[in-house]
Amino acid sequence: MSEGLDDPATLETDCGLPLSYSWNRDGAALPRCKVRVPKHHSRHHPLGLEAPPWFRTGLHAEPFDFSGHVSRLCADLARRCSELSHIDVSRLIFGITQARTARRHGLQARVTPLRFRRGKLTRRRHGVSYQVQRYYGDEREILYLVSFCLPRFLDQDFDDKFITIFHELFHVSPAFDGDLRRHPGRCAIHTRSKSAYDRHMSHLARQYLADGADPSLHGFLRLNFAQLQHRHGSVLGIVVPRPKLIPLIEFQ
């Protein structure tokens, strides 16, 4: 899923919001939170909670860092997949959002661009200029926020998890300017056929796996949330505020 910044319904009018956030400077690290188990979520796995030991996920005595694992996997995807080679993972934040229910269907992930169309920093509407909040990590500007809905995402099948990751990364503009990839026609985000879009993502995922992908990077996707929680005690992920659009009229 992708969410653009061109929908006027998303405009914010609270000028008390900060124009930027900065992390990993002066000790302000990206905040990580523990994933909660939604009510009625199954804590069990059909084959038991003990995951096969050959799927390495880090030290068992430490919480599982979902954001760190996804970031390392996506960096490898960008290196090995020509259609994602424009992506600099250091300028993306891989965060999580908490699933409120135990439903398997619903939001799995989304990518949020931090710039407007063609990478512009501001957009004017009805005589008012708006700016999207700017995010910085290690003093580098972040251009995209990729959020995964947990535990729901982790409870998909392995193939579906991989397709979801490719689906979100493919939304990143080839210009890597903070905007989304836009296709010709009215259906600019997913093309005229979302099913064809997903088939292409499936092809990219199969090609990556068949081309000698490192199992140590994607093995965690073989496990579901309950198995990871059982092995590590808890699952953590980066949680940052969703970017808002700030009216700049009072600052002019």
C-alpha atoms as a PDB file:
ATOM      1  CA  MET A   1       0.000   0.000   0.000  1.00  0.00           C
ATOM      2  CA  SER A   2       1.134   3.544  -0.612  1.00  0.00           C
ATOM      3  CA  GLU A   3      -0.182   6.843   0.609  1.00  0.00           C
ATOM      4  CA  GLY A   4       0.589   9.978  -1.334  1.00  0.00           C
ATOM      5  CA  LEU A   5       0.688  13.564  -0.133  1.00  0.00           C
ATOM      6  CA  ASP A   6      -1.613  15.052  -2.746  1.00  0.00           C
ATOM      7  CA  ASP A   7      -4.948  14.297  -1.054  1.00  0.00           C
ATOM      8  CA  PRO A   8      -6.320  17.551   0.460  1.00  0.00           C
ATOM      9  CA  ALA A   9      -8.177  15.503   3.064  1.00  0.00           C
ATOM     10  CA  THR A  10      -4.828  14.810   4.733  1.00  0.00           C
ATOM     11  CA  LEU A  11      -3.886  18.456   5.211  1.00  0.00           C
ATOM     12  CA  GLU A  12      -3.111  19.481   8.785  1.00  0.00           C
ATOM     13  CA  THR A  13      -3.835  22.954  10.169  1.00  0.00           C
ATOM     14  CA  ASP A  14      -2.190  22.684  13.583  1.00  0.00           C
ATOM     15  CA  CYS A  15       0.799  25.044  13.348  1.00  0.00           C
ATOM     16  CA  GLY A  16       2.037  23.804  16.712  1.00  0.00           C
ATOM     17  CA  LEU A  17       3.456  20.703  15.044  1.00  0.00           C
ATOM     18  CA  PRO A  18       7.241  20.611  14.453  1.00  0.00           C
ATOM     19  CA  LEU A  19       8.533  21.123  10.932  1.00  0.00           C
ATOM     20  CA  SER A  20      11.132  18.395  11.391  1.00  0.00           C
ATOM     21  CA  TYR A  21      12.222  15.456  13.533  1.00  0.00           C
ATOM     22  CA  SER A  22      15.811  14.376  14.031  1.00  0.00           C
ATOM     23  CA  TRP A  23      17.140  11.122  15.484  1.00  0.00           C
ATOM     24  CA  ASN A  24      20.487   9.453  16.168  1.00  0.00           C
ATOM     25  CA  ARG A  25      22.038  12.773  17.090  1.00  0.00           C
ATOM     26  CA  ASP A  26      22.967  13.785  20.641  1.00  0.00           C
ATOM     27  CA  GLY A  27      21.681  10.457  21.897  1.00  0.00           C
ATOM     28  CA  ALA A  28      18.185  10.794  20.369  1.00  0.00           C
ATOM     29  CA  ALA A  29      17.924   7.296  18.866  1.00  0.00           C
ATOM     30  CA  LEU A  30      15.006   6.141  16.791  1.00  0.00           C
ATOM     31  CA  PRO A  31      12.408   4.923  19.312  1.00  0.00           C
ATOM     32  CA  ARG A  32      11.604   1.214  19.379  1.00  0.00           C
ATOM     33  CA  CYS A  33       8.475  -0.256  20.942  1.00  0.00           C
ATOM     34  CA  LYS A  34       7.358  -3.776  21.748  1.00  0.00           C
ATOM     35  CA  VAL A  35       4.607  -5.229  19.582  1.00  0.00           C
ATOM     36  CA  ARG A  36       1.486  -5.988  21.589  1.00  0.00           C
ATOM     37  CA  VAL A  37      -0.557  -9.121  21.013  1.00  0.00           C
ATOM     38  CA  PRO A  38      -4.063  -8.149  19.822  1.00  0.00           C
ATOM     39  CA  LYS A  39      -7.047  -9.648  21.569  1.00  0.00           C
ATOM     40  CA  HIS A  40      -7.956 -13.089  20.228  1.00  0.00           C
ATOM     41  CA  HIS A  41      -4.603 -13.380  18.424  1.00  0.00           C
ATOM     42  CA  SER A  42      -3.462 -16.990  18.292  1.00  0.00           C
ATOM     43  CA  ARG A  43      -0.308 -17.520  20.341  1.00  0.00           C
ATOM     44  CA  HIS A  44       0.141 -20.966  18.885  1.00  0.00           C
ATOM     45  CA  HIS A  45       1.442 -22.403  15.659  1.00  0.00           C
ATOM     46  CA  PRO A  46       0.029 -25.547  14.029  1.00  0.00           C
ATOM     47  CA  LEU A  47       3.431 -27.224  14.280  1.00  0.00           C
ATOM     48  CA  GLY A  48       4.329 -25.762  17.673  1.00  0.00           C
ATOM     49  CA  LEU A  49       6.157 -22.654  18.830  1.00  0.00           C
ATOM     50  CA  GLU A  50       9.645 -24.098  18.520  1.00  0.00           C
ATOM     51  CA  ALA A  51      10.928 -22.728  15.220  1.00  0.00           C
ATOM     52  CA  PRO A  52      13.462 -24.745  13.211  1.00  0.00           C
ATOM     53  CA  PRO A  53      16.946 -23.789  14.488  1.00  0.00           C
ATOM     54  CA  TRP A  54      18.375 -23.324  10.990  1.00  0.00           C
ATOM     55  CA  PHE A  55      16.306 -20.158  10.563  1.00  0.00           C
ATOM     56  CA  ARG A  56      18.658 -17.741  12.286  1.00  0.00           C
ATOM     57  CA  THR A  57      17.114 -14.671  13.867  1.00  0.00           C
ATOM     58  CA  GLY A  58      19.809 -13.489  16.280  1.00  0.00           C
ATOM     59  CA  LEU A  59      20.505 -14.195  19.927  1.00  0.00           C
ATOM     60  CA  HIS A  60      17.562 -15.931  21.563  1.00  0.00           C
ATOM     61  CA  ALA A  61      18.089 -14.082  24.833  1.00  0.00           C
ATOM     62  CA  GLU A  62      17.524 -10.711  23.158  1.00  0.00           C
ATOM     63  CA  PRO A  63      14.311  -9.131  21.785  1.00  0.00           C
ATOM     64  CA  PHE A  64      13.844  -9.557  18.050  1.00  0.00           C
ATOM     65  CA  ASP A  65      14.555  -6.262  16.245  1.00  0.00           C
ATOM     66  CA  PHE A  66      12.113  -6.421  13.340  1.00  0.00           C
ATOM     67  CA  SER A  67      13.113  -3.049  11.886  1.00  0.00           C
ATOM     68  CA  GLY A  68      16.796  -3.945  11.888  1.00  0.00           C
ATOM     69  CA  HIS A  69      16.194  -7.266  10.133  1.00  0.00           C
ATOM     70  CA  VAL A  70      13.935  -5.720   7.473  1.00  0.00           C
ATOM     71  CA  SER A  71      16.421  -2.907   6.864  1.00  0.00           C
ATOM     72  CA  ARG A  72      19.294  -5.339   6.246  1.00  0.00           C
ATOM     73  CA  LEU A  73      17.137  -7.470   3.957  1.00  0.00           C
ATOM     74  CA  CYS A  74      15.976  -4.454   1.936  1.00  0.00           C
ATOM     75  CA  ALA A  75      19.547  -3.208   1.568  1.00  0.00           C
ATOM     76  CA  ASP A  76      20.380  -6.558  -0.031  1.00  0.00           C
ATOM     77  CA  LEU A  77      17.305  -6.369  -2.273  1.00  0.00           C
ATOM     78  CA  ALA A  78      18.433  -2.950  -3.497  1.00  0.00           C
ATOM     79  CA  ARG A  79      21.915  -4.287  -4.228  1.00  0.00           C
ATOM     80  CA  ARG A  80      20.785  -7.403  -6.071  1.00  0.00           C
ATOM     81  CA  CYS A  81      17.598  -6.304  -7.865  1.00  0.00           C
ATOM     82  CA  SER A  82      18.186  -3.912 -10.767  1.00  0.00           C
ATOM     83  CA  GLU A  83      14.658  -2.502 -10.518  1.00  0.00           C
ATOM     84  CA  LEU A  84      15.352  -1.391  -6.948  1.00  0.00           C
ATOM     85  CA  SER A  85      18.959  -0.279  -7.426  1.00  0.00           C
ATOM     86  CA  HIS A  86      18.014   3.405  -7.097  1.00  0.00           C
ATOM     87  CA  ILE A  87      17.054   2.936  -3.436  1.00  0.00           C
ATOM     88  CA  ASP A  88      19.431   4.103  -0.707  1.00  0.00           C
ATOM     89  CA  VAL A  89      18.137   2.245   2.340  1.00  0.00           C
ATOM     90  CA  SER A  90      19.954   4.627   4.704  1.00  0.00           C
ATOM     91  CA  ARG A  91      17.388   7.270   3.701  1.00  0.00           C
ATOM     92  CA  LEU A  92      14.403   5.079   4.562  1.00  0.00           C
ATOM     93  CA  ILE A  93      12.935   4.371   7.983  1.00  0.00           C
ATOM     94  CA  PHE A  94      11.499   0.880   8.409  1.00  0.00           C
ATOM     95  CA  GLY A  95       8.922   1.222  11.140  1.00  0.00           C
ATOM     96  CA  ILE A  96       5.981  -0.686  12.544  1.00  0.00           C
ATOM     97  CA  THR A  97       2.376   0.092  13.271  1.00  0.00           C
ATOM     98  CA  GLN A  98       0.354  -1.881  15.782  1.00  0.00           C
ATOM     99  CA  ALA A  99      -2.468  -4.068  14.491  1.00  0.00           C
ATOM    100  CA  ARG A 100      -5.562  -3.374  16.575  1.00  0.00           C
ATOM    101  CA  THR A 101      -7.252  -6.674  15.843  1.00  0.00           C
ATOM    102  CA  ALA A 102      -6.227 -10.265  15.173  1.00  0.00           C
ATOM    103  CA  ARG A 103      -7.715 -10.246  11.677  1.00  0.00           C
ATOM    104  CA  ARG A 104      -5.377 -11.762   9.099  1.00  0.00           C
ATOM    105  CA  HIS A 105      -6.699  -9.504   6.347  1.00  0.00           C
ATOM    106  CA  GLY A 106      -6.247  -5.756   6.220  1.00  0.00           C
ATOM    107  CA  LEU A 107      -3.295  -3.392   6.088  1.00  0.00           C
ATOM    108  CA  GLN A 108      -0.002  -5.306   5.806  1.00  0.00           C
ATOM    109  CA  ALA A 109       2.395  -2.471   5.033  1.00  0.00           C
ATOM    110  CA  ARG A 110       2.536   0.989   3.492  1.00  0.00           C
ATOM    111  CA  VAL A 111       5.134   3.399   2.164  1.00  0.00           C
ATOM    112  CA  THR A 112       4.760   7.099   2.903  1.00  0.00           C
ATOM    113  CA  PRO A 113       6.708   9.568   0.729  1.00  0.00           C
ATOM    114  CA  LEU A 114       8.177  12.578   2.512  1.00  0.00           C
ATOM    115  CA  ARG A 115       8.112  14.874  -0.504  1.00  0.00           C
ATOM    116  CA  PHE A 116       5.433  15.973  -2.951  1.00  0.00           C
ATOM    117  CA  ARG A 117       5.175  15.167  -6.662  1.00  0.00           C
ATOM    118  CA  ARG A 118       8.567  15.262  -8.430  1.00  0.00           C
ATOM    119  CA  GLY A 119      10.318  15.681  -5.104  1.00  0.00           C
ATOM    120  CA  LYS A 120       9.069  19.168  -4.306  1.00  0.00           C
ATOM    121  CA  LEU A 121       9.304  20.208  -0.677  1.00  0.00           C
ATOM    122  CA  THR A 122       6.198  22.420  -0.633  1.00  0.00           C
ATOM    123  CA  ARG A 123       2.790  22.430  -2.302  1.00  0.00           C
ATOM    124  CA  ARG A 124       0.407  25.336  -2.652  1.00  0.00           C
ATOM    125  CA  ARG A 125      -3.352  24.904  -2.307  1.00  0.00           C
ATOM    126  CA  HIS A 126      -6.056  27.575  -1.948  1.00  0.00           C
ATOM    127  CA  GLY A 127      -3.419  30.246  -1.480  1.00  0.00           C
ATOM    128  CA  VAL A 128      -1.611  28.407   1.323  1.00  0.00           C
ATOM    129  CA  SER A 129       1.777  26.693   1.055  1.00  0.00           C
ATOM    130  CA  TYR A 130       2.157  23.363   2.816  1.00  0.00           C
ATOM    131  CA  GLN A 131       5.299  21.476   3.728  1.00  0.00           C
ATOM    132  CA  VAL A 132       5.533  17.857   4.741  1.00  0.00           C
ATOM    133  CA  GLN A 133       7.381  17.335   8.013  1.00  0.00           C
ATOM    134  CA  ARG A 134      11.045  16.527   7.385  1.00  0.00           C
ATOM    135  CA  TYR A 135      12.748  13.570   9.041  1.00  0.00           C
ATOM    136  CA  TYR A 136      16.481  13.273   9.656  1.00  0.00           C
ATOM    137  CA  GLY A 137      18.576  10.318  10.760  1.00  0.00           C
ATOM    138  CA  ASP A 138      22.286  10.766  11.471  1.00  0.00           C
ATOM    139  CA  GLU A 139      21.866  14.258   9.959  1.00  0.00           C
ATOM    140  CA  ARG A 140      20.744  12.776   6.603  1.00  0.00           C
ATOM    141  CA  GLU A 141      17.279  13.579   5.343  1.00  0.00           C
ATOM    142  CA  ILE A 142      14.891  10.621   5.288  1.00  0.00           C
ATOM    143  CA  LEU A 143      12.832  10.404   2.094  1.00  0.00           C
ATOM    144  CA  TYR A 144      10.441   7.510   2.814  1.00  0.00           C
ATOM    145  CA  LEU A 145       8.773   5.874   5.787  1.00  0.00           C
ATOM    146  CA  VAL A 146       7.976   2.181   5.251  1.00  0.00           C
ATOM    147  CA  SER A 147       5.630   0.837   7.928  1.00  0.00           C
ATOM    148  CA  PHE A 148       4.663  -2.789   8.587  1.00  0.00           C
ATOM    149  CA  CYS A 149       1.502  -3.702  10.477  1.00  0.00           C
ATOM    150  CA  LEU A 150       2.444  -6.187  13.198  1.00  0.00           C
ATOM    151  CA  PRO A 151       1.698  -8.900  14.137  1.00  0.00           C
ATOM    152  CA  ARG A 152      -0.431  -9.168  10.967  1.00  0.00           C
ATOM    153  CA  PHE A 153       2.424  -8.907   8.471  1.00  0.00           C
ATOM    154  CA  LEU A 154       4.424 -11.631  10.222  1.00  0.00           C
ATOM    155  CA  ASP A 155       1.463 -14.003  10.126  1.00  0.00           C
ATOM    156  CA  GLN A 156       1.354 -14.083   6.326  1.00  0.00           C
ATOM    157  CA  ASP A 157       2.837 -16.928   4.344  1.00  0.00           C
ATOM    158  CA  PHE A 158       6.527 -16.612   3.450  1.00  0.00           C
ATOM    159  CA  ASP A 159       5.765 -15.853  -0.214  1.00  0.00           C
ATOM    160  CA  ASP A 160       3.219 -13.191   0.674  1.00  0.00           C
ATOM    161  CA  LYS A 161       5.666 -11.468   3.035  1.00  0.00           C
ATOM    162  CA  PHE A 162       8.283 -11.261   0.316  1.00  0.00           C
ATOM    163  CA  ILE A 163       5.785  -9.967  -2.244  1.00  0.00           C
ATOM    164  CA  THR A 164       4.609  -7.331   0.245  1.00  0.00           C
ATOM    165  CA  ILE A 165       8.168  -6.082   0.770  1.00  0.00           C
ATOM    166  CA  PHE A 166       8.802  -5.841  -2.978  1.00  0.00           C
ATOM    167  CA  HIS A 167       5.394  -4.204  -3.418  1.00  0.00           C
ATOM    168  CA  GLU A 168       6.294  -1.372  -1.037  1.00  0.00           C
ATOM    169  CA  LEU A 169       9.852  -0.838  -2.264  1.00  0.00           C
ATOM    170  CA  PHE A 170       8.696  -0.725  -5.871  1.00  0.00           C
ATOM    171  CA  HIS A 171       6.555   2.315  -5.015  1.00  0.00           C
ATOM    172  CA  VAL A 172       9.744   4.340  -4.425  1.00  0.00           C
ATOM    173  CA  SER A 173      10.291   6.720  -7.332  1.00  0.00           C
ATOM    174  CA  PRO A 174      13.137   5.782  -9.722  1.00  0.00           C
ATOM    175  CA  ALA A 175      14.351   9.366  -9.213  1.00  0.00           C
ATOM    176  CA  PHE A 176      14.606   8.629  -5.471  1.00  0.00           C
ATOM    177  CA  ASP A 177      13.392  12.136  -4.731  1.00  0.00           C
ATOM    178  CA  GLY A 178      10.886  11.469  -1.941  1.00  0.00           C
ATOM    179  CA  ASP A 179       7.965  10.989  -4.336  1.00  0.00           C
ATOM    180  CA  LEU A 180       6.245   7.765  -5.386  1.00  0.00           C
ATOM    181  CA  ARG A 181       6.758   5.890  -8.647  1.00  0.00           C
ATOM    182  CA  ARG A 182       4.019   7.116 -10.963  1.00  0.00           C
ATOM    183  CA  HIS A 183       2.707   5.131 -13.939  1.00  0.00           C
ATOM    184  CA  PRO A 184       0.916   6.547 -17.011  1.00  0.00           C
ATOM    185  CA  GLY A 185      -2.852   6.869 -16.893  1.00  0.00           C
ATOM    186  CA  ARG A 186      -5.377   7.353 -14.135  1.00  0.00           C
ATOM    187  CA  CYS A 187      -4.098   4.476 -11.999  1.00  0.00           C
ATOM    188  CA  ALA A 188      -0.744   6.108 -11.448  1.00  0.00           C
ATOM    189  CA  ILE A 189       0.285   4.113  -8.367  1.00  0.00           C
ATOM    190  CA  HIS A 190      -0.592   0.476  -9.192  1.00  0.00           C
ATOM    191  CA  THR A 191      -1.092   0.783 -12.973  1.00  0.00           C
ATOM    192  CA  ARG A 192      -4.425  -0.243 -14.506  1.00  0.00           C
ATOM    193  CA  SER A 193      -4.192  -3.751 -13.068  1.00  0.00           C
ATOM    194  CA  LYS A 194      -3.231  -4.236  -9.437  1.00  0.00           C
ATOM    195  CA  SER A 195      -3.174  -8.005 -10.020  1.00  0.00           C
ATOM    196  CA  ALA A 196      -0.609  -7.533 -12.812  1.00  0.00           C
ATOM    197  CA  TYR A 197       1.391  -5.285 -10.483  1.00  0.00           C
ATOM    198  CA  ASP A 198       1.393  -7.998  -7.819  1.00  0.00           C
ATOM    199  CA  ARG A 199       2.373 -10.658 -10.362  1.00  0.00           C
ATOM    200  CA  HIS A 200       5.392  -8.571 -11.271  1.00  0.00           C
ATOM    201  CA  MET A 201       6.305  -8.282  -7.591  1.00  0.00           C
ATOM    202  CA  SER A 202       6.002 -12.064  -7.285  1.00  0.00           C
ATOM    203  CA  HIS A 203       8.349 -12.460 -10.264  1.00  0.00           C
ATOM    204  CA  LEU A 204      10.919 -10.127  -8.682  1.00  0.00           C
ATOM    205  CA  ALA A 205      10.724 -12.025  -5.379  1.00  0.00           C
ATOM    206  CA  ARG A 206      11.194 -15.427  -7.048  1.00  0.00           C
ATOM    207  CA  GLN A 207      14.079 -14.088  -9.125  1.00  0.00           C
ATOM    208  CA  TYR A 208      15.800 -12.727  -6.017  1.00  0.00           C
ATOM    209  CA  LEU A 209      15.441 -15.997  -4.115  1.00  0.00           C
ATOM    210  CA  ALA A 210      16.618 -18.070  -7.081  1.00  0.00           C
ATOM    211  CA  ASP A 211      19.708 -15.912  -7.530  1.00  0.00           C
ATOM    212  CA  GLY A 212      21.532 -17.103  -4.423  1.00  0.00           C
ATOM    213  CA  ALA A 213      19.902 -14.882  -1.803  1.00  0.00           C
ATOM    214  CA  ASP A 214      21.493 -15.152   1.656  1.00  0.00           C
ATOM    215  CA  PRO A 215      19.136 -17.200   3.905  1.00  0.00           C
ATOM    216  CA  SER A 216      20.515 -15.455   6.995  1.00  0.00           C
ATOM    217  CA  LEU A 217      18.922 -12.225   5.772  1.00  0.00           C
ATOM    218  CA  HIS A 218      15.441 -13.541   5.006  1.00  0.00           C
ATOM    219  CA  GLY A 219      15.141 -16.551   7.308  1.00  0.00           C
ATOM    220  CA  PHE A 220      13.094 -14.565   9.834  1.00  0.00           C
ATOM    221  CA  LEU A 221      10.310 -14.346   7.239  1.00  0.00           C
ATOM    222  CA  ARG A 222       9.899 -18.126   7.528  1.00  0.00           C
ATOM    223  CA  LEU A 223       8.652 -17.663  11.108  1.00  0.00           C
ATOM    224  CA  ASN A 224       5.424 -16.157  12.304  1.00  0.00           C
ATOM    225  CA  PHE A 225       4.923 -13.691  15.128  1.00  0.00           C
ATOM    226  CA  ALA A 226       4.219 -16.326  17.791  1.00  0.00           C
ATOM    227  CA  GLN A 227       7.393 -18.240  16.922  1.00  0.00           C
ATOM    228  CA  LEU A 228       9.560 -15.118  17.027  1.00  0.00           C
ATOM    229  CA  GLN A 229       8.001 -14.025  20.289  1.00  0.00           C
ATOM    230  CA  HIS A 230       8.515 -17.467  21.796  1.00  0.00           C
ATOM    231  CA  ARG A 231      12.161 -17.544  20.703  1.00  0.00           C
ATOM    232  CA  HIS A 232      13.082 -13.971  21.681  1.00  0.00           C
ATOM    233  CA  GLY A 233      10.582 -13.051  24.376  1.00  0.00           C
ATOM    234  CA  SER A 234       9.393  -9.990  22.484  1.00  0.00           C
ATOM    235  CA  VAL A 235       9.372  -8.357  19.046  1.00  0.00           C
ATOM    236  CA  LEU A 236      10.468  -4.716  18.735  1.00  0.00           C
ATOM    237  CA  GLY A 237      10.200  -2.192  15.935  1.00  0.00           C
ATOM    238  CA  ILE A 238      10.773   1.489  15.225  1.00  0.00           C
ATOM    239  CA  VAL A 239       7.765   3.685  15.918  1.00  0.00           C
ATOM    240  CA  VAL A 240       7.819   7.284  14.691  1.00  0.00           C
ATOM    241  CA  PRO A 241       5.001   9.800  14.165  1.00  0.00           C
ATOM    242  CA  ARG A 242       3.257   9.657  10.816  1.00  0.00           C
ATOM    243  CA  PRO A 243       4.352  12.706   8.803  1.00  0.00           C
ATOM    244  CA  LYS A 244       1.931  15.613   8.737  1.00  0.00           C
ATOM    245  CA  LEU A 245       1.463  18.460   6.291  1.00  0.00           C
ATOM    246  CA  ILE A 246       2.195  21.815   7.897  1.00  0.00           C
ATOM    247  CA  PRO A 247       0.654  25.100   6.655  1.00  0.00           C
ATOM    248  CA  LEU A 248       3.428  27.661   6.230  1.00  0.00           C
ATOM    249  CA  ILE A 249       1.307  30.804   5.930  1.00  0.00           C
ATOM    250  CA  GLU A 250       2.161  32.003   9.457  1.00  0.00           C
ATOM    251  CA  PHE A 251       5.862  31.531   8.817  1.00  0.00           C
ATOM    252  CA  GLN A 252       6.022  33.693   5.697  1.00  0.00           C
END
